Amino acid sequence: MERRKALGLIAATGAATAASLTAPHAFAAETGHAAGATGPGKSTVKGGYTFALDENVRRTSVRFKNRYGIEVAADLYVPKNARGKLPALAVSGPFGAVKEQSSGLYANEFARRGYVALAFDPSFTGESGGTVRDVASPDICTEDYSAAVDFLGLQKTVDRERIGAQAICGLSGMALTAAAADSRIKAVATASMYDMSRSMSRGHEDHYTHEQRQKVVDHLSRQRWTDAENGTYARLSHEVPFDENGDVAPSNRVLPKTLPADADPITASFFDYYRTERGYHPRSINSTTAWTATTPMSFFAFQLMTNIDMLAPRKALLVAGADAHSRYYSEDVRAKAPDTVDLVIVPGADHVDLYDRKDLIPFDKLDAFFTKNLA
């Protein structure tokens, strides 16, 4: 499979060519910023959530500010029968998703099991603050986890010595980075982990050549001029693909509006979650639009998990699907910190299965991990 065309996300389906650098993408009513916006996969669950709230869990919309003064929007999940001070988890991800999707599902399940769980939208996305919409920063996304810990530790129902983090997909690298720098995070678990700095700056399985990396840098640098001249921010691929001529070929959407008949399995898997009733949400970047085109610049400059050795003696548990294209990210972190990091491989699961397939997500193992390490 030609993965370098597949998760760009794809040079061949509705992609803007390099010529599109001359004009920003005018995303329209399909994005969550248009009143009454809906899409082909409009969620049928009350409130736009892609999962049902457990009858034994109470969900409350909350807001808190991070260290940069940005307001972070979140949902707080608390067991209805909560007594005394409970362990708590900060939950976020995937990259380009919102709290009404996978992170909320995880938070809901953990609350059902007796945790206080906070599912949040990273800064600049979903309902969180930030003037420029749908831009990502590895630094600020990492800070959001520590800000979530601030909030959780101030709750009367939370034992601030028993706070952990659970991340899904692209927010996993930020959660591990936050935990390495913030010892208040006593344990961290990930599902379908992605290292977004490595992904954007080196490509899938580090396939970018040095020449291609330089072409991506040049592409981003030219886009800065375009955005400055237009006074706005274009939206293009955050993982930059190349065409058959070896030129950058960014798309103006993360996923196509309709799935091509010849779509590769990875694109089809993501489409089945973000663009259908299964996981669609109008505020999700992956469901509706693309990140700002210059988002990768900071990911080139800020390498995640550089200080993973600082996590010890605290522990991490990484969960990956046996059939996931992203499996190597978890395996590489496990190899780098074998005394700190444990790895669970889920048979029969691909990357997206661990977003919402409760029959495959090993919640019992995650619960046991946090029970032990938040003791």
Protein backbone atom coordinates (compact mmCIF):
# COMPACT_ATOMS: atom_id res chain seq x y z
CA MET A 1 0.00 0.00 0.00
CA GLU A 2 1.27 3.50 -0.85
CA ARG A 3 0.92 5.03 2.63
CA ARG A 4 2.76 8.21 1.69
CA LYS A 5 -0.23 9.16 -0.47
CA ALA A 6 -2.75 7.75 1.96
CA LEU A 7 -2.39 9.83 5.08
CA GLY A 8 -1.55 13.10 3.54
CA LEU A 9 -4.49 12.68 3.13
CA ILE A 10 -4.54 11.92 -0.25
CA ALA A 11 -2.82 13.65 -3.11
CA ALA A 12 -5.27 12.10 -5.54
CA THR A 13 -8.72 12.90 -4.08
CA GLY A 14 -9.76 16.50 -4.30
CA ALA A 15 -6.27 17.58 -3.34
CA ALA A 16 -5.06 21.06 -3.92
CA THR A 17 -1.84 21.17 -5.90
CA ALA A 18 1.12 23.31 -5.01
CA ALA A 19 -0.56 26.06 -7.02
CA SER A 20 -3.16 26.31 -4.26
CA LEU A 21 -0.53 28.03 -2.14
CA THR A 22 -1.65 31.26 -3.79
CA ALA A 23 -5.08 31.26 -2.15
CA PRO A 24 -6.52 30.21 1.23
CA HIS A 25 -9.18 27.54 1.37
CA ALA A 26 -12.56 29.08 2.11
CA PHE A 27 -14.14 26.38 4.25
CA ALA A 28 -17.86 26.87 4.30
CA ALA A 29 -21.03 25.75 6.02
CA GLU A 30 -19.83 22.24 6.65
CA THR A 31 -17.40 23.35 9.36
CA GLY A 32 -18.63 23.67 12.90
CA HIS A 33 -18.19 27.44 12.79
CA ALA A 34 -21.27 27.95 10.63
CA ALA A 35 -24.62 28.24 12.37
CA GLY A 36 -26.59 25.05 12.20
CA ALA A 37 -23.78 23.26 10.41
CA THR A 38 -24.31 19.58 9.79
CA GLY A 39 -22.75 17.01 7.54
CA PRO A 40 -23.47 13.72 5.80
CA GLY A 41 -22.77 11.81 8.98
CA LYS A 42 -24.69 13.96 11.45
CA SER A 43 -24.63 12.36 14.90
CA THR A 44 -27.93 10.92 16.02
CA VAL A 45 -27.05 10.97 19.74
CA LYS A 46 -28.51 13.81 21.80
CA GLY A 47 -26.22 16.83 22.02
CA GLY A 48 -24.05 15.76 19.09
CA TYR A 49 -22.20 13.12 21.10
CA THR A 50 -21.17 10.02 19.21
CA PHE A 51 -21.88 7.73 22.15
CA ALA A 52 -24.56 7.34 24.80
CA LEU A 53 -23.94 8.64 28.31
CA ASP A 54 -23.91 5.85 30.88
CA GLU A 55 -26.92 6.02 33.21
CA ASN A 56 -24.62 5.94 36.24
CA VAL A 57 -22.48 8.88 35.09
CA ARG A 58 -23.07 12.61 35.38
CA ARG A 59 -21.60 14.86 32.65
CA THR A 60 -21.04 18.60 33.19
CA SER A 61 -19.71 21.16 30.72
CA VAL A 62 -16.78 23.07 32.27
CA ARG A 63 -14.16 25.64 31.31
CA PHE A 64 -10.67 26.37 32.62
CA LYS A 65 -7.63 28.32 31.45
CA ASN A 66 -4.21 27.00 30.58
CA ARG A 67 -0.88 28.63 31.39
CA TYR A 68 -1.15 30.83 28.29
CA GLY A 69 -4.55 32.19 29.29
CA ILE A 70 -6.45 30.21 26.64
CA GLU A 71 -9.84 28.93 27.77
CA VAL A 72 -10.10 25.16 27.41
CA ALA A 73 -13.56 23.62 26.98
CA ALA A 74 -14.20 20.24 28.58
CA ASP A 75 -16.79 17.79 29.84
CA LEU A 76 -16.39 16.50 33.38
CA TYR A 77 -17.60 12.92 33.89
CA VAL A 78 -18.29 11.88 37.49
CA PRO A 79 -19.85 8.67 38.86
CA LYS A 80 -23.29 9.48 40.25
CA ASN A 81 -22.55 7.41 43.34
CA ALA A 82 -19.20 9.15 43.97
CA ARG A 83 -18.11 9.07 47.62
CA GLY A 84 -14.96 10.57 49.05
CA LYS A 85 -12.00 11.51 46.88
CA LEU A 86 -11.58 9.58 43.64
CA PRO A 87 -8.75 9.01 41.16
CA ALA A 88 -9.00 11.23 38.10
CA LEU A 89 -7.95 11.21 34.45
CA ALA A 90 -7.31 13.97 31.91
CA VAL A 91 -8.46 12.65 28.51
CA SER A 92 -8.01 13.99 25.00
CA GLY A 93 -7.51 12.98 21.38
CA PRO A 94 -7.44 12.04 18.59
CA PHE A 95 -5.63 14.85 16.74
CA GLY A 96 -8.37 16.82 14.97
CA ALA A 97 -11.20 15.30 17.02
CA VAL A 98 -13.40 16.85 19.71
CA LYS A 99 -14.55 15.85 23.18
CA GLU A 100 -17.89 14.64 21.85
CA GLN A 101 -16.08 11.86 20.00
CA SER A 102 -13.53 9.30 21.19
CA SER A 103 -12.16 11.13 24.24
CA GLY A 104 -15.67 11.52 25.64
CA LEU A 105 -16.35 7.84 25.10
CA TYR A 106 -13.21 6.95 27.07
CA ALA A 107 -14.05 9.44 29.83
CA ASN A 108 -17.59 8.08 30.07
CA GLU A 109 -16.30 4.52 30.44
CA PHE A 110 -13.71 5.45 33.06
CA ALA A 111 -16.32 7.36 35.06
CA ARG A 112 -18.55 4.29 34.92
CA ARG A 113 -15.64 2.44 36.53
CA GLY A 114 -15.23 4.93 39.36
CA TYR A 115 -12.93 7.66 38.06
CA VAL A 116 -13.48 11.38 37.66
CA ALA A 117 -12.63 11.92 33.99
CA LEU A 118 -12.15 15.19 32.11
CA ALA A 119 -12.46 15.06 28.31
CA PHE A 120 -11.22 18.30 26.77
CA ASP A 121 -10.88 20.03 23.41
CA PRO A 122 -7.26 21.11 22.82
CA SER A 123 -6.66 24.85 22.49
CA PHE A 124 -7.78 26.42 19.19
CA THR A 125 -10.11 23.50 18.41
CA GLY A 126 -13.70 22.48 19.15
CA GLU A 127 -15.24 24.76 21.76
CA SER A 128 -11.90 25.77 23.29
CA GLY A 129 -10.52 29.28 22.92
CA GLY A 130 -7.79 30.66 20.70
CA THR A 131 -8.29 33.37 18.09
CA VAL A 132 -6.96 31.39 15.14
CA ARG A 133 -9.16 28.37 14.66
CA ASP A 134 -7.92 24.85 14.07
CA VAL A 135 -4.23 25.44 14.47
CA ALA A 136 -2.14 23.09 16.60
CA SER A 137 0.95 23.61 18.72
CA PRO A 138 2.81 20.68 20.30
CA ASP A 139 3.81 22.99 23.16
CA ILE A 140 0.32 24.31 23.87
CA CYS A 141 -1.35 20.93 23.35
CA THR A 142 1.10 19.52 25.91
CA GLU A 143 0.31 22.39 28.29
CA ASP A 144 -3.41 21.65 27.97
CA TYR A 145 -2.86 18.34 29.77
CA SER A 146 -1.18 20.08 32.71
CA ALA A 147 -3.96 22.67 32.76
CA ALA A 148 -6.47 19.81 32.91
CA VAL A 149 -4.56 18.45 35.91
CA ASP A 150 -4.81 21.91 37.53
CA PHE A 151 -8.56 21.80 37.11
CA LEU A 152 -8.98 18.23 38.31
CA GLY A 153 -6.82 18.80 41.38
CA LEU A 154 -9.11 21.60 42.52
CA GLN A 155 -12.24 19.43 42.48
CA LYS A 156 -13.54 18.32 45.88
CA THR A 157 -14.23 14.84 44.53
CA VAL A 158 -10.64 14.33 43.29
CA ASP A 159 -7.58 13.01 45.11
CA ARG A 160 -4.89 15.22 43.58
CA GLU A 161 -2.23 12.60 44.35
CA ARG A 162 -4.07 10.13 42.08
CA ILE A 163 -4.32 11.95 38.74
CA GLY A 164 -3.37 10.31 35.45
CA ALA A 165 -3.75 10.95 31.72
CA GLN A 166 -5.39 8.93 28.97
CA ALA A 167 -4.76 9.94 25.37
CA ILE A 168 -5.94 8.68 22.00
CA CYS A 169 -4.05 8.82 18.71
CA GLY A 170 -2.33 12.15 17.98
CA LEU A 171 -2.70 13.65 21.46
CA SER A 172 -0.76 10.70 22.89
CA GLY A 173 2.64 12.20 22.20
CA MET A 174 1.58 15.36 24.00
CA ALA A 175 0.29 13.36 26.99
CA LEU A 176 3.57 11.47 27.32
CA THR A 177 5.51 14.72 26.95
CA ALA A 178 3.36 16.39 29.60
CA ALA A 179 3.80 13.47 31.99
CA ALA A 180 7.58 13.55 31.59
CA ALA A 181 7.61 17.22 32.59
CA ASP A 182 4.77 17.25 35.14
CA SER A 183 5.18 14.76 37.99
CA ARG A 184 1.63 15.44 39.17
CA ILE A 185 0.61 13.09 36.33
CA LYS A 186 1.17 9.81 38.16
CA ALA A 187 0.52 7.49 35.21
CA VAL A 188 -0.29 7.83 31.51
CA ALA A 189 -1.94 5.50 29.00
CA THR A 190 -2.36 5.85 25.26
CA ALA A 191 -4.44 4.18 22.56
CA SER A 192 -3.39 4.11 18.88
CA MET A 193 -0.52 6.42 19.70
CA TYR A 194 0.84 8.88 17.13
CA ASP A 195 3.92 11.08 17.48
CA MET A 196 2.71 14.11 15.53
CA SER A 197 6.12 15.81 15.47
CA ARG A 198 7.71 12.74 13.95
CA SER A 199 4.79 12.24 11.58
CA MET A 200 4.79 15.79 10.22
CA SER A 201 8.54 16.28 10.04
CA ARG A 202 9.59 12.83 8.79
CA GLY A 203 6.52 11.17 7.28
CA HIS A 204 5.05 7.77 7.98
CA GLU A 205 7.76 5.33 9.07
CA ASP A 206 10.25 8.17 8.49
CA HIS A 207 9.98 7.77 4.74
CA TYR A 208 10.75 11.41 3.85
CA THR A 209 14.17 11.83 2.30
CA HIS A 210 16.25 14.84 3.33
CA GLU A 211 15.29 16.46 0.02
CA GLN A 212 11.58 15.88 0.69
CA ARG A 213 11.87 17.31 4.19
CA GLN A 214 13.41 20.43 2.70
CA LYS A 215 10.59 20.64 0.17
CA VAL A 216 8.07 20.51 3.00
CA VAL A 217 9.93 23.28 4.84
CA ASP A 218 9.97 25.37 1.64
CA HIS A 219 6.25 24.70 1.12
CA LEU A 220 5.45 25.88 4.65
CA SER A 221 7.70 28.91 4.32
CA ARG A 222 6.04 30.01 1.08
CA GLN A 223 2.66 29.52 2.72
CA ARG A 224 3.68 31.98 5.44
CA TRP A 225 4.10 34.66 2.75
CA THR A 226 0.73 33.76 1.25
CA ASP A 227 -1.05 33.95 4.59
CA ALA A 228 0.69 37.24 5.44
CA GLU A 229 -0.30 38.78 2.12
CA ASN A 230 -3.91 37.59 2.41
CA GLY A 231 -4.27 38.43 6.09
CA THR A 232 -5.82 35.03 6.77
CA TYR A 233 -4.87 31.39 7.19
CA ALA A 234 -5.17 28.78 4.46
CA ARG A 235 -6.07 25.21 5.31
CA LEU A 236 -4.01 22.40 3.82
CA SER A 237 -2.60 18.97 4.70
CA HIS A 238 -0.78 18.78 8.02
CA GLU A 239 0.91 15.60 6.77
CA VAL A 240 2.21 16.70 3.39
CA PRO A 241 2.06 14.18 0.54
CA PHE A 242 4.02 14.21 -2.71
CA ASP A 243 2.72 13.63 -6.22
CA GLU A 244 4.18 11.39 -8.90
CA ASN A 245 6.51 14.21 -9.97
CA GLY A 246 8.00 14.50 -6.50
CA ASP A 247 6.29 17.81 -5.72
CA VAL A 248 4.30 18.60 -2.59
CA ALA A 249 0.61 18.02 -3.22
CA PRO A 250 -1.41 19.18 -0.20
CA SER A 251 -5.14 18.65 0.10
CA ASN A 252 -7.60 21.23 1.40
CA ARG A 253 -9.34 18.57 3.51
CA VAL A 254 -8.14 15.93 5.94
CA LEU A 255 -10.64 13.50 4.42
CA PRO A 256 -12.53 13.61 1.12
CA LYS A 257 -16.21 14.55 1.15
CA THR A 258 -17.07 11.22 -0.43
CA LEU A 259 -15.00 8.06 -0.34
CA PRO A 260 -13.48 7.13 -3.72
CA ALA A 261 -14.14 3.60 -4.91
CA ASP A 262 -10.40 2.93 -4.99
CA ALA A 263 -9.63 4.44 -1.57
CA ASP A 264 -6.78 2.80 0.30
CA PRO A 265 -7.67 0.88 3.50
CA ILE A 266 -6.25 3.54 5.85
CA THR A 267 -8.27 6.37 4.33
CA ALA A 268 -11.36 4.14 4.27
CA SER A 269 -10.89 3.35 7.96
CA PHE A 270 -10.64 7.01 8.97
CA PHE A 271 -13.55 7.92 6.67
CA ASP A 272 -15.73 5.25 8.31
CA TYR A 273 -15.28 7.02 11.64
CA TYR A 274 -15.12 10.74 10.92
CA ARG A 275 -17.41 11.02 7.89
CA THR A 276 -20.27 8.72 8.91
CA GLU A 277 -22.80 8.61 11.75
CA ARG A 278 -20.36 6.44 13.67
CA GLY A 279 -18.10 9.36 14.58
CA TYR A 280 -18.99 12.52 12.65
CA HIS A 281 -19.06 15.82 14.51
CA PRO A 282 -19.40 19.28 12.88
CA ARG A 283 -16.65 20.76 15.08
CA SER A 284 -14.17 18.00 14.29
CA ILE A 285 -11.44 19.11 11.92
CA ASN A 286 -11.13 15.57 10.60
CA SER A 287 -14.86 15.41 9.88
CA THR A 288 -15.14 18.67 8.02
CA THR A 289 -12.04 20.55 6.94
CA ALA A 290 -8.24 20.73 7.41
CA TRP A 291 -5.76 22.24 9.85
CA THR A 292 -4.25 25.61 9.10
CA ALA A 293 -1.64 25.06 6.42
CA THR A 294 1.33 26.21 8.50
CA THR A 295 0.50 24.02 11.49
CA PRO A 296 3.44 21.65 10.76
CA MET A 297 6.01 24.41 11.32
CA SER A 298 5.94 24.12 15.10
CA PHE A 299 6.01 20.33 14.91
CA PHE A 300 9.27 20.54 12.93
CA ALA A 301 10.68 22.76 15.67
CA PHE A 302 9.30 20.93 18.75
CA GLN A 303 10.11 17.24 18.96
CA LEU A 304 7.82 15.39 21.34
CA MET A 305 8.93 12.86 23.97
CA THR A 306 12.57 13.94 23.92
CA ASN A 307 12.64 13.60 27.71
CA ILE A 308 10.64 10.39 28.03
CA ASP A 309 13.32 9.10 30.41
CA MET A 310 12.07 11.66 32.95
CA LEU A 311 8.80 9.77 33.30
CA ALA A 312 10.39 7.11 35.53
CA PRO A 313 9.64 5.84 38.08
CA ARG A 314 6.10 6.61 36.97
CA LYS A 315 4.63 4.27 34.35
CA ALA A 316 3.03 4.39 30.93
CA LEU A 317 0.84 1.83 29.16
CA LEU A 318 0.59 2.00 25.37
CA VAL A 319 -2.22 0.17 23.57
CA ALA A 320 -1.97 -0.47 19.84
CA GLY A 321 -3.92 -2.51 17.33
CA ALA A 322 -2.10 -5.47 15.83
CA ASP A 323 -3.18 -4.32 12.38
CA ALA A 324 -2.67 -0.58 12.94
CA HIS A 325 -0.49 1.42 10.54
CA SER A 326 0.56 3.43 13.61
CA ARG A 327 1.70 0.46 15.68
CA TYR A 328 5.39 1.26 15.23
CA TYR A 329 5.06 4.52 17.19
CA SER A 330 4.12 2.62 20.35
CA GLU A 331 6.72 -0.06 19.73
CA ASP A 332 9.48 2.52 19.32
CA VAL A 333 8.57 4.30 22.56
CA ARG A 334 8.44 0.97 24.35
CA ALA A 335 11.93 0.15 23.06
CA LYS A 336 13.24 3.54 24.14
CA ALA A 337 11.97 3.25 27.73
CA PRO A 338 11.44 -0.48 28.42
CA ASP A 339 11.56 -0.13 32.21
CA THR A 340 8.90 2.57 32.23
CA VAL A 341 6.59 1.72 29.34
CA ASP A 342 4.45 -1.38 28.85
CA LEU A 343 2.82 -2.27 25.55
CA VAL A 344 -0.45 -4.08 24.86
CA ILE A 345 -1.13 -5.25 21.30
CA VAL A 346 -4.81 -5.86 20.54
CA PRO A 347 -5.36 -8.74 18.08
CA GLY A 348 -7.66 -7.99 15.17
CA ALA A 349 -7.70 -4.23 15.76
CA ASP A 350 -6.61 -1.48 13.42
CA HIS A 351 -5.79 2.11 14.37
CA VAL A 352 -9.35 3.48 14.28
CA ASP A 353 -10.90 0.48 16.05
CA LEU A 354 -9.43 1.76 19.31
CA TYR A 355 -11.36 5.03 18.97
CA ASP A 356 -14.72 3.50 19.83
CA ARG A 357 -14.84 -0.29 19.49
CA LYS A 358 -15.54 -1.14 23.11
CA ASP A 359 -15.40 -4.82 22.26
CA LEU A 360 -11.72 -4.30 21.30
CA ILE A 361 -10.52 -1.48 23.57
CA PRO A 362 -8.96 -3.25 26.58
CA PHE A 363 -10.66 -1.16 29.24
CA ASP A 364 -10.14 -3.86 31.86
CA LYS A 365 -6.37 -3.66 31.34
CA LEU A 366 -6.41 0.13 31.32
CA ASP A 367 -8.46 0.14 34.52
CA ALA A 368 -6.06 -2.31 36.18
CA PHE A 369 -3.10 -0.18 35.07
CA PHE A 370 -4.50 3.00 36.56
CA THR A 371 -5.76 1.24 39.69
CA LYS A 372 -2.22 0.02 40.36
CA ASN A 373 -0.34 3.15 39.39
CA LEU A 374 -2.71 5.72 40.89
CA ALA A 375 -2.79 3.87 44.21
